[in-house]
Amino acid sequence: MRRGFFAIFLISLCFSSLSAQGHEKGNHPYVIRGEVYVDLEPIYAGHVDEEYPLDAEQAGRRALEESALFFSAMIFGWSFNYEVGERARLIKEDMELEILGTIQAGDPSLKVTDTEIRDMRLRVWADYHLNDSHQRRMEIWRTGMIRNAQATGYAPSHLDEYPGWIEIRKMALEDAARAALRAALRGSERNRPKEVKGFISLASFPRYYIDAGRVTVFARFRVQIKEIIPFAAY
């Protein structure tokens, strides 16, 4: 595959703001990067995406939007309030996530470094050049009382209204965050707590695939627990 040609074509056609950007050595002391895949042909998993099949421009825009989502989750992460739930007490499991900051697809620090089309999939490598504030945030996620966790998450098989491809991916990612936090608590807490509060971030770009008709994602996280509320408190 003519990777160089396609990279120039894709960037100049869809993202002219990125076409003149490269690895500006010396200007960005720290970089995080990740890889995303965009299917060009339709893959139906309980939802019908009317945009399929995708052309190069559409696929490229999706790749940048998805990269921006993951970089946001790596740098800023979410705050969470997790009701662990317990069937015996008729307490439903519930997790509220709030993103703490966002990066836009057109951010000049987000740079496409490599592209390839193979087997009707667009593969994109993207870098994000961290400023001083971002570097401090990343340092916090890598030090202190941080727990590593990983899990698989799923998007709903059926929804009354299709929310769009990126929302479906967010749903699966947030479900993976819930499952990862639940697994981390099982490994560290002797007694099941009623509620847990803290922060969680992506450790790296996740991997999406279709499993039993559902959009599925495997993701690794970093977890910072700030408060654990036991059942005894109630």
C-alpha atoms as a PDB file:
ATOM      1  CA  MET A   1       0.000   0.000   0.000  1.00  0.00           C
ATOM      2  CA  ARG A   2       1.338   3.472  -0.862  1.00  0.00           C
ATOM      3  CA  ARG A   3       1.303   4.754   2.694  1.00  0.00           C
ATOM      4  CA  GLY A   4       3.110   8.007   1.986  1.00  0.00           C
ATOM      5  CA  PHE A   5       0.821   8.950  -0.895  1.00  0.00           C
ATOM      6  CA  PHE A   6      -2.347   8.159   1.007  1.00  0.00           C
ATOM      7  CA  ALA A   7      -1.185  10.032   4.103  1.00  0.00           C
ATOM      8  CA  ILE A   8      -0.514  13.177   2.062  1.00  0.00           C
ATOM      9  CA  PHE A   9      -3.806  12.776   0.188  1.00  0.00           C
ATOM     10  CA  LEU A  10      -5.878  12.221   3.307  1.00  0.00           C
ATOM     11  CA  ILE A  11      -4.377  15.057   5.290  1.00  0.00           C
ATOM     12  CA  SER A  12      -4.458  17.585   2.452  1.00  0.00           C
ATOM     13  CA  LEU A  13      -8.000  16.656   1.450  1.00  0.00           C
ATOM     14  CA  CYS A  14      -9.619  16.511   4.862  1.00  0.00           C
ATOM     15  CA  PHE A  15      -7.371  18.182   7.360  1.00  0.00           C
ATOM     16  CA  SER A  16      -5.433  20.937   5.656  1.00  0.00           C
ATOM     17  CA  SER A  17      -4.593  22.396   9.034  1.00  0.00           C
ATOM     18  CA  LEU A  18      -2.475  19.337   9.722  1.00  0.00           C
ATOM     19  CA  SER A  19      -0.772  18.990   6.363  1.00  0.00           C
ATOM     20  CA  ALA A  20       2.166  21.221   7.158  1.00  0.00           C
ATOM     21  CA  GLN A  21       2.747  19.810  10.614  1.00  0.00           C
ATOM     22  CA  GLY A  22       5.353  17.249  11.479  1.00  0.00           C
ATOM     23  CA  HIS A  23       7.312  16.145  14.494  1.00  0.00           C
ATOM     24  CA  GLU A  24       8.622  19.512  15.675  1.00  0.00           C
ATOM     25  CA  LYS A  25      11.549  18.281  17.696  1.00  0.00           C
ATOM     26  CA  GLY A  26      12.442  20.488  20.604  1.00  0.00           C
ATOM     27  CA  ASN A  27       9.067  22.247  20.733  1.00  0.00           C
ATOM     28  CA  HIS A  28       7.206  19.360  22.407  1.00  0.00           C
ATOM     29  CA  PRO A  29       9.176  17.628  25.135  1.00  0.00           C
ATOM     30  CA  TYR A  30       6.597  14.910  25.577  1.00  0.00           C
ATOM     31  CA  VAL A  31       4.261  13.078  23.200  1.00  0.00           C
ATOM     32  CA  ILE A  32       1.569  10.431  23.633  1.00  0.00           C
ATOM     33  CA  ARG A  33       0.358   8.417  20.681  1.00  0.00           C
ATOM     34  CA  GLY A  34      -2.156   5.807  19.673  1.00  0.00           C
ATOM     35  CA  GLU A  35      -3.603   3.832  16.793  1.00  0.00           C
ATOM     36  CA  VAL A  36      -7.206   3.750  15.578  1.00  0.00           C
ATOM     37  CA  TYR A  37      -8.992   1.700  12.916  1.00  0.00           C
ATOM     38  CA  VAL A  38     -12.009   2.820  10.904  1.00  0.00           C
ATOM     39  CA  ASP A  39     -14.017   0.297   8.888  1.00  0.00           C
ATOM     40  CA  LEU A  40     -14.913   1.584   5.430  1.00  0.00           C
ATOM     41  CA  GLU A  41     -17.664  -0.968   4.850  1.00  0.00           C
ATOM     42  CA  PRO A  42     -20.736  -1.375   7.067  1.00  0.00           C
ATOM     43  CA  ILE A  43     -20.556  -3.641  10.079  1.00  0.00           C
ATOM     44  CA  TYR A  44     -24.011  -3.876  11.597  1.00  0.00           C
ATOM     45  CA  ALA A  45     -24.080  -4.509  15.318  1.00  0.00           C
ATOM     46  CA  GLY A  46     -27.625  -3.750  16.396  1.00  0.00           C
ATOM     47  CA  HIS A  47     -27.413  -0.287  14.830  1.00  0.00           C
ATOM     48  CA  VAL A  48     -27.406   0.911  11.230  1.00  0.00           C
ATOM     49  CA  ASP A  49     -24.967   3.681  10.385  1.00  0.00           C
ATOM     50  CA  GLU A  50     -26.407   5.486   7.372  1.00  0.00           C
ATOM     51  CA  GLU A  51     -23.045   6.986   6.380  1.00  0.00           C
ATOM     52  CA  TYR A  52     -21.601   3.627   5.323  1.00  0.00           C
ATOM     53  CA  PRO A  53     -19.759   2.877   3.131  1.00  0.00           C
ATOM     54  CA  LEU A  54     -17.246   5.591   4.090  1.00  0.00           C
ATOM     55  CA  ASP A  55     -15.004   7.444   1.687  1.00  0.00           C
ATOM     56  CA  ALA A  56     -11.476   8.587   2.594  1.00  0.00           C
ATOM     57  CA  GLU A  57     -12.653  11.968   3.878  1.00  0.00           C
ATOM     58  CA  GLN A  58     -15.334  10.527   6.159  1.00  0.00           C
ATOM     59  CA  ALA A  59     -13.032   7.805   7.479  1.00  0.00           C
ATOM     60  CA  GLY A  60     -10.265  10.308   8.125  1.00  0.00           C
ATOM     61  CA  ARG A  61     -12.560  12.612  10.058  1.00  0.00           C
ATOM     62  CA  ARG A  62     -13.766   9.718  12.174  1.00  0.00           C
ATOM     63  CA  ALA A  63     -10.188   8.679  12.907  1.00  0.00           C
ATOM     64  CA  LEU A  64      -9.325  12.167  14.164  1.00  0.00           C
ATOM     65  CA  GLU A  65     -12.533  12.447  16.206  1.00  0.00           C
ATOM     66  CA  GLU A  66     -11.893   9.090  17.822  1.00  0.00           C
ATOM     67  CA  SER A  67      -8.244   9.958  18.503  1.00  0.00           C
ATOM     68  CA  ALA A  68      -9.326  13.219  20.144  1.00  0.00           C
ATOM     69  CA  LEU A  69     -11.757  11.283  22.369  1.00  0.00           C
ATOM     70  CA  PHE A  70      -9.028   8.907  23.529  1.00  0.00           C
ATOM     71  CA  PHE A  71      -6.424  11.624  24.091  1.00  0.00           C
ATOM     72  CA  SER A  72      -8.995  13.523  26.184  1.00  0.00           C
ATOM     73  CA  ALA A  73      -9.598  10.403  28.277  1.00  0.00           C
ATOM     74  CA  MET A  74      -5.844   9.823  28.705  1.00  0.00           C
ATOM     75  CA  ILE A  75      -4.921  13.375  29.690  1.00  0.00           C
ATOM     76  CA  PHE A  76      -7.976  14.598  31.598  1.00  0.00           C
ATOM     77  CA  GLY A  77      -9.899  11.437  32.417  1.00  0.00           C
ATOM     78  CA  TRP A  78     -13.257  11.342  34.203  1.00  0.00           C
ATOM     79  CA  SER A  79     -14.480  11.887  37.713  1.00  0.00           C
ATOM     80  CA  PHE A  80     -16.774   9.084  38.820  1.00  0.00           C
ATOM     81  CA  ASN A  81     -19.418   8.314  41.386  1.00  0.00           C
ATOM     82  CA  TYR A  82     -19.954   4.575  41.468  1.00  0.00           C
ATOM     83  CA  GLU A  83     -22.860   2.889  43.238  1.00  0.00           C
ATOM     84  CA  VAL A  84     -21.519  -0.647  43.460  1.00  0.00           C
ATOM     85  CA  GLY A  85     -24.943  -2.217  43.859  1.00  0.00           C
ATOM     86  CA  GLU A  86     -26.089  -5.392  45.583  1.00  0.00           C
ATOM     87  CA  ARG A  87     -28.973  -7.629  44.565  1.00  0.00           C
ATOM     88  CA  ALA A  88     -29.691  -8.818  48.098  1.00  0.00           C
ATOM     89  CA  ARG A  89     -30.358  -5.223  49.192  1.00  0.00           C
ATOM     90  CA  LEU A  90     -32.121  -4.325  45.938  1.00  0.00           C
ATOM     91  CA  ILE A  91     -29.470  -1.708  45.192  1.00  0.00           C
ATOM     92  CA  LYS A  92     -28.888  -1.192  41.496  1.00  0.00           C
ATOM     93  CA  GLU A  93     -25.378  -0.799  40.124  1.00  0.00           C
ATOM     94  CA  ASP A  94     -24.857   2.663  38.679  1.00  0.00           C
ATOM     95  CA  MET A  95     -21.818   4.643  37.561  1.00  0.00           C
ATOM     96  CA  GLU A  96     -21.803   8.338  36.745  1.00  0.00           C
ATOM     97  CA  LEU A  97     -18.857   9.589  34.702  1.00  0.00           C
ATOM     98  CA  GLU A  98     -17.988  13.213  33.959  1.00  0.00           C
ATOM     99  CA  ILE A  99     -15.188  14.012  31.519  1.00  0.00           C
ATOM    100  CA  LEU A 100     -12.800  16.580  33.019  1.00  0.00           C
ATOM    101  CA  GLY A 101     -11.583  18.102  29.780  1.00  0.00           C
ATOM    102  CA  THR A 102     -11.790  17.643  26.041  1.00  0.00           C
ATOM    103  CA  ILE A 103      -9.514  17.823  23.032  1.00  0.00           C
ATOM    104  CA  GLN A 104     -10.969  18.695  19.641  1.00  0.00           C
ATOM    105  CA  ALA A 105     -10.179  16.880  16.398  1.00  0.00           C
ATOM    106  CA  GLY A 106      -8.788  20.120  14.956  1.00  0.00           C
ATOM    107  CA  ASP A 107      -6.397  20.736  17.857  1.00  0.00           C
ATOM    108  CA  PRO A 108      -3.013  21.744  16.337  1.00  0.00           C
ATOM    109  CA  SER A 109      -1.216  19.501  18.846  1.00  0.00           C
ATOM    110  CA  LEU A 110      -2.977  16.434  17.414  1.00  0.00           C
ATOM    111  CA  LYS A 111      -0.924  15.194  14.478  1.00  0.00           C
ATOM    112  CA  VAL A 112      -1.451  12.297  12.082  1.00  0.00           C
ATOM    113  CA  THR A 113       1.861  10.474  11.644  1.00  0.00           C
ATOM    114  CA  ASP A 114       0.966   7.419   9.555  1.00  0.00           C
ATOM    115  CA  THR A 115      -1.995   6.058   7.590  1.00  0.00           C
ATOM    116  CA  GLU A 116      -2.758   2.850   5.748  1.00  0.00           C
ATOM    117  CA  ILE A 117      -5.776   1.237   4.085  1.00  0.00           C
ATOM    118  CA  ARG A 118      -5.887  -2.543   4.208  1.00  0.00           C
ATOM    119  CA  ASP A 119      -8.803  -4.978   4.003  1.00  0.00           C
ATOM    120  CA  MET A 120     -11.288  -2.098   3.795  1.00  0.00           C
ATOM    121  CA  ARG A 121     -10.031  -0.551   7.034  1.00  0.00           C
ATOM    122  CA  LEU A 122      -8.299   2.773   7.524  1.00  0.00           C
ATOM    123  CA  ARG A 123      -5.491   2.592  10.063  1.00  0.00           C
ATOM    124  CA  VAL A 124      -4.249   5.858  11.535  1.00  0.00           C
ATOM    125  CA  TRP A 125      -1.430   6.565  13.970  1.00  0.00           C
ATOM    126  CA  ALA A 126      -1.886   9.866  15.809  1.00  0.00           C
ATOM    127  CA  ASP A 127       0.375  11.818  18.163  1.00  0.00           C
ATOM    128  CA  TYR A 128      -0.590  14.418  20.730  1.00  0.00           C
ATOM    129  CA  HIS A 129       2.084  16.894  21.767  1.00  0.00           C
ATOM    130  CA  LEU A 130       1.631  17.760  25.429  1.00  0.00           C
ATOM    131  CA  ASN A 131       2.023  21.265  26.792  1.00  0.00           C
ATOM    132  CA  ASP A 132       3.298  21.867  30.336  1.00  0.00           C
ATOM    133  CA  SER A 133      -0.176  21.604  31.864  1.00  0.00           C
ATOM    134  CA  HIS A 134      -0.877  18.331  30.065  1.00  0.00           C
ATOM    135  CA  GLN A 135       2.481  16.925  31.148  1.00  0.00           C
ATOM    136  CA  ARG A 136       1.658  17.649  34.781  1.00  0.00           C
ATOM    137  CA  ARG A 137      -1.681  15.896  34.419  1.00  0.00           C
ATOM    138  CA  MET A 138      -0.071  12.848  32.852  1.00  0.00           C
ATOM    139  CA  GLU A 139       2.501  12.764  35.646  1.00  0.00           C
ATOM    140  CA  ILE A 140      -0.293  12.660  38.225  1.00  0.00           C
ATOM    141  CA  TRP A 141      -1.886   9.727  36.408  1.00  0.00           C
ATOM    142  CA  ARG A 142       1.389   7.815  36.570  1.00  0.00           C
ATOM    143  CA  THR A 143       2.327   8.457  40.196  1.00  0.00           C
ATOM    144  CA  GLY A 144       0.804   8.382  43.647  1.00  0.00           C
ATOM    145  CA  MET A 145      -2.046   6.131  44.726  1.00  0.00           C
ATOM    146  CA  ILE A 146      -2.991   5.006  41.235  1.00  0.00           C
ATOM    147  CA  ARG A 147      -4.405   1.558  40.516  1.00  0.00           C
ATOM    148  CA  ASN A 148      -4.129  -0.142  37.139  1.00  0.00           C
ATOM    149  CA  ALA A 149      -7.266  -1.848  35.856  1.00  0.00           C
ATOM    150  CA  GLN A 150      -8.529  -3.321  32.624  1.00  0.00           C
ATOM    151  CA  ALA A 151     -11.821  -4.689  31.364  1.00  0.00           C
ATOM    152  CA  THR A 152     -14.087  -5.297  28.399  1.00  0.00           C
ATOM    153  CA  GLY A 153     -17.096  -3.076  27.846  1.00  0.00           C
ATOM    154  CA  TYR A 154     -20.155  -3.307  25.618  1.00  0.00           C
ATOM    155  CA  ALA A 155     -22.496  -0.874  23.946  1.00  0.00           C
ATOM    156  CA  PRO A 156     -26.226  -1.670  24.146  1.00  0.00           C
ATOM    157  CA  SER A 157     -27.411  -4.068  21.465  1.00  0.00           C
ATOM    158  CA  HIS A 158     -30.529  -2.027  20.754  1.00  0.00           C
ATOM    159  CA  LEU A 159     -31.522   1.554  21.407  1.00  0.00           C
ATOM    160  CA  ASP A 160     -34.802   3.319  20.662  1.00  0.00           C
ATOM    161  CA  GLU A 161     -32.860   5.936  18.713  1.00  0.00           C
ATOM    162  CA  TYR A 162     -29.407   5.584  17.157  1.00  0.00           C
ATOM    163  CA  PRO A 163     -27.200   8.219  18.870  1.00  0.00           C
ATOM    164  CA  GLY A 164     -24.394   8.143  16.320  1.00  0.00           C
ATOM    165  CA  TRP A 165     -21.207   6.141  15.907  1.00  0.00           C
ATOM    166  CA  ILE A 166     -19.072   8.124  18.369  1.00  0.00           C
ATOM    167  CA  GLU A 167     -21.740   7.925  21.100  1.00  0.00           C
ATOM    168  CA  ILE A 168     -21.934   4.156  20.651  1.00  0.00           C
ATOM    169  CA  ARG A 169     -18.168   3.987  21.154  1.00  0.00           C
ATOM    170  CA  LYS A 170     -18.392   6.202  24.234  1.00  0.00           C
ATOM    171  CA  MET A 171     -21.062   3.922  25.707  1.00  0.00           C
ATOM    172  CA  ALA A 172     -18.855   0.861  25.272  1.00  0.00           C
ATOM    173  CA  LEU A 173     -15.831   2.691  26.716  1.00  0.00           C
ATOM    174  CA  GLU A 174     -17.759   3.902  29.755  1.00  0.00           C
ATOM    175  CA  ASP A 175     -19.048   0.374  30.337  1.00  0.00           C
ATOM    176  CA  ALA A 176     -15.450  -0.872  30.230  1.00  0.00           C
ATOM    177  CA  ALA A 177     -14.521   1.780  32.827  1.00  0.00           C
ATOM    178  CA  ARG A 178     -17.326   0.526  35.089  1.00  0.00           C
ATOM    179  CA  ALA A 179     -16.238  -3.098  34.711  1.00  0.00           C
ATOM    180  CA  ALA A 180     -12.582  -2.206  35.316  1.00  0.00           C
ATOM    181  CA  LEU A 181     -13.410  -0.296  38.488  1.00  0.00           C
ATOM    182  CA  ARG A 182     -15.607  -3.112  39.764  1.00  0.00           C
ATOM    183  CA  ALA A 183     -12.801  -5.635  39.135  1.00  0.00           C
ATOM    184  CA  ALA A 184     -10.261  -3.398  40.887  1.00  0.00           C
ATOM    185  CA  LEU A 185     -12.486  -3.115  43.955  1.00  0.00           C
ATOM    186  CA  ARG A 186     -13.005  -6.857  44.110  1.00  0.00           C
ATOM    187  CA  GLY A 187      -9.255  -7.294  44.216  1.00  0.00           C
ATOM    188  CA  SER A 188      -8.617  -4.713  46.943  1.00  0.00           C
ATOM    189  CA  GLU A 189     -11.687  -4.411  49.185  1.00  0.00           C
ATOM    190  CA  ARG A 190     -12.486  -7.166  51.644  1.00  0.00           C
ATOM    191  CA  ASN A 191     -16.092  -6.024  51.999  1.00  0.00           C
ATOM    192  CA  ARG A 192     -18.146  -4.698  49.136  1.00  0.00           C
ATOM    193  CA  PRO A 193     -18.575  -0.934  49.553  1.00  0.00           C
ATOM    194  CA  LYS A 194     -21.809   0.865  48.857  1.00  0.00           C
ATOM    195  CA  GLU A 195     -20.314   3.790  46.959  1.00  0.00           C
ATOM    196  CA  VAL A 196     -16.936   4.813  45.588  1.00  0.00           C
ATOM    197  CA  LYS A 197     -15.780   8.214  44.321  1.00  0.00           C
ATOM    198  CA  GLY A 198     -12.641   9.171  42.455  1.00  0.00           C
ATOM    199  CA  PHE A 199     -11.035   9.628  39.066  1.00  0.00           C
ATOM    200  CA  ILE A 200     -10.283   7.302  36.159  1.00  0.00           C
ATOM    201  CA  SER A 201      -8.364   7.745  32.902  1.00  0.00           C
ATOM    202  CA  LEU A 202      -7.405   5.699  29.864  1.00  0.00           C
ATOM    203  CA  ALA A 203      -3.914   4.249  30.059  1.00  0.00           C
ATOM    204  CA  SER A 204      -3.686   3.691  26.289  1.00  0.00           C
ATOM    205  CA  PHE A 205      -5.865   3.632  23.175  1.00  0.00           C
ATOM    206  CA  PRO A 206      -8.530   0.895  23.482  1.00  0.00           C
ATOM    207  CA  ARG A 207      -9.370  -1.807  20.944  1.00  0.00           C
ATOM    208  CA  TYR A 208     -12.882  -2.058  19.465  1.00  0.00           C
ATOM    209  CA  TYR A 209     -14.454  -5.074  17.789  1.00  0.00           C
ATOM    210  CA  ILE A 210     -17.828  -6.775  17.289  1.00  0.00           C
ATOM    211  CA  ASP A 211     -18.748  -9.600  19.656  1.00  0.00           C
ATOM    212  CA  ALA A 212     -22.096 -11.415  19.516  1.00  0.00           C
ATOM    213  CA  GLY A 213     -23.565  -8.516  17.593  1.00  0.00           C
ATOM    214  CA  ARG A 214     -22.433  -5.825  20.026  1.00  0.00           C
ATOM    215  CA  VAL A 215     -19.836  -3.083  19.758  1.00  0.00           C
ATOM    216  CA  THR A 216     -17.179  -4.231  22.210  1.00  0.00           C
ATOM    217  CA  VAL A 217     -14.042  -2.587  23.552  1.00  0.00           C
ATOM    218  CA  PHE A 218     -11.088  -3.762  25.591  1.00  0.00           C
ATOM    219  CA  ALA A 219      -9.464  -0.930  27.527  1.00  0.00           C
ATOM    220  CA  ARG A 220      -6.797  -0.309  30.163  1.00  0.00           C
ATOM    221  CA  PHE A 221      -7.331   2.339  32.820  1.00  0.00           C
ATOM    222  CA  ARG A 222      -5.676   4.180  35.678  1.00  0.00           C
ATOM    223  CA  VAL A 223      -7.858   4.623  38.759  1.00  0.00           C
ATOM    224  CA  GLN A 224      -7.524   7.057  41.650  1.00  0.00           C
ATOM    225  CA  ILE A 225      -9.985   6.353  44.464  1.00  0.00           C
ATOM    226  CA  LYS A 226     -10.726   9.351  46.684  1.00  0.00           C
ATOM    227  CA  GLU A 227     -13.532   8.033  48.885  1.00  0.00           C
ATOM    228  CA  ILE A 228     -15.007   4.649  49.767  1.00  0.00           C
ATOM    229  CA  ILE A 229     -18.369   4.641  51.526  1.00  0.00           C
ATOM    230  CA  PRO A 230     -19.186   1.325  53.246  1.00  0.00           C
ATOM    231  CA  PHE A 231     -22.686  -0.004  53.802  1.00  0.00           C
ATOM    232  CA  ALA A 232     -22.174   0.531  57.530  1.00  0.00           C
ATOM    233  CA  ALA A 233     -22.308   4.289  56.914  1.00  0.00           C
ATOM    234  CA  TYR A 234     -25.975   3.910  56.099  1.00  0.00           C
END
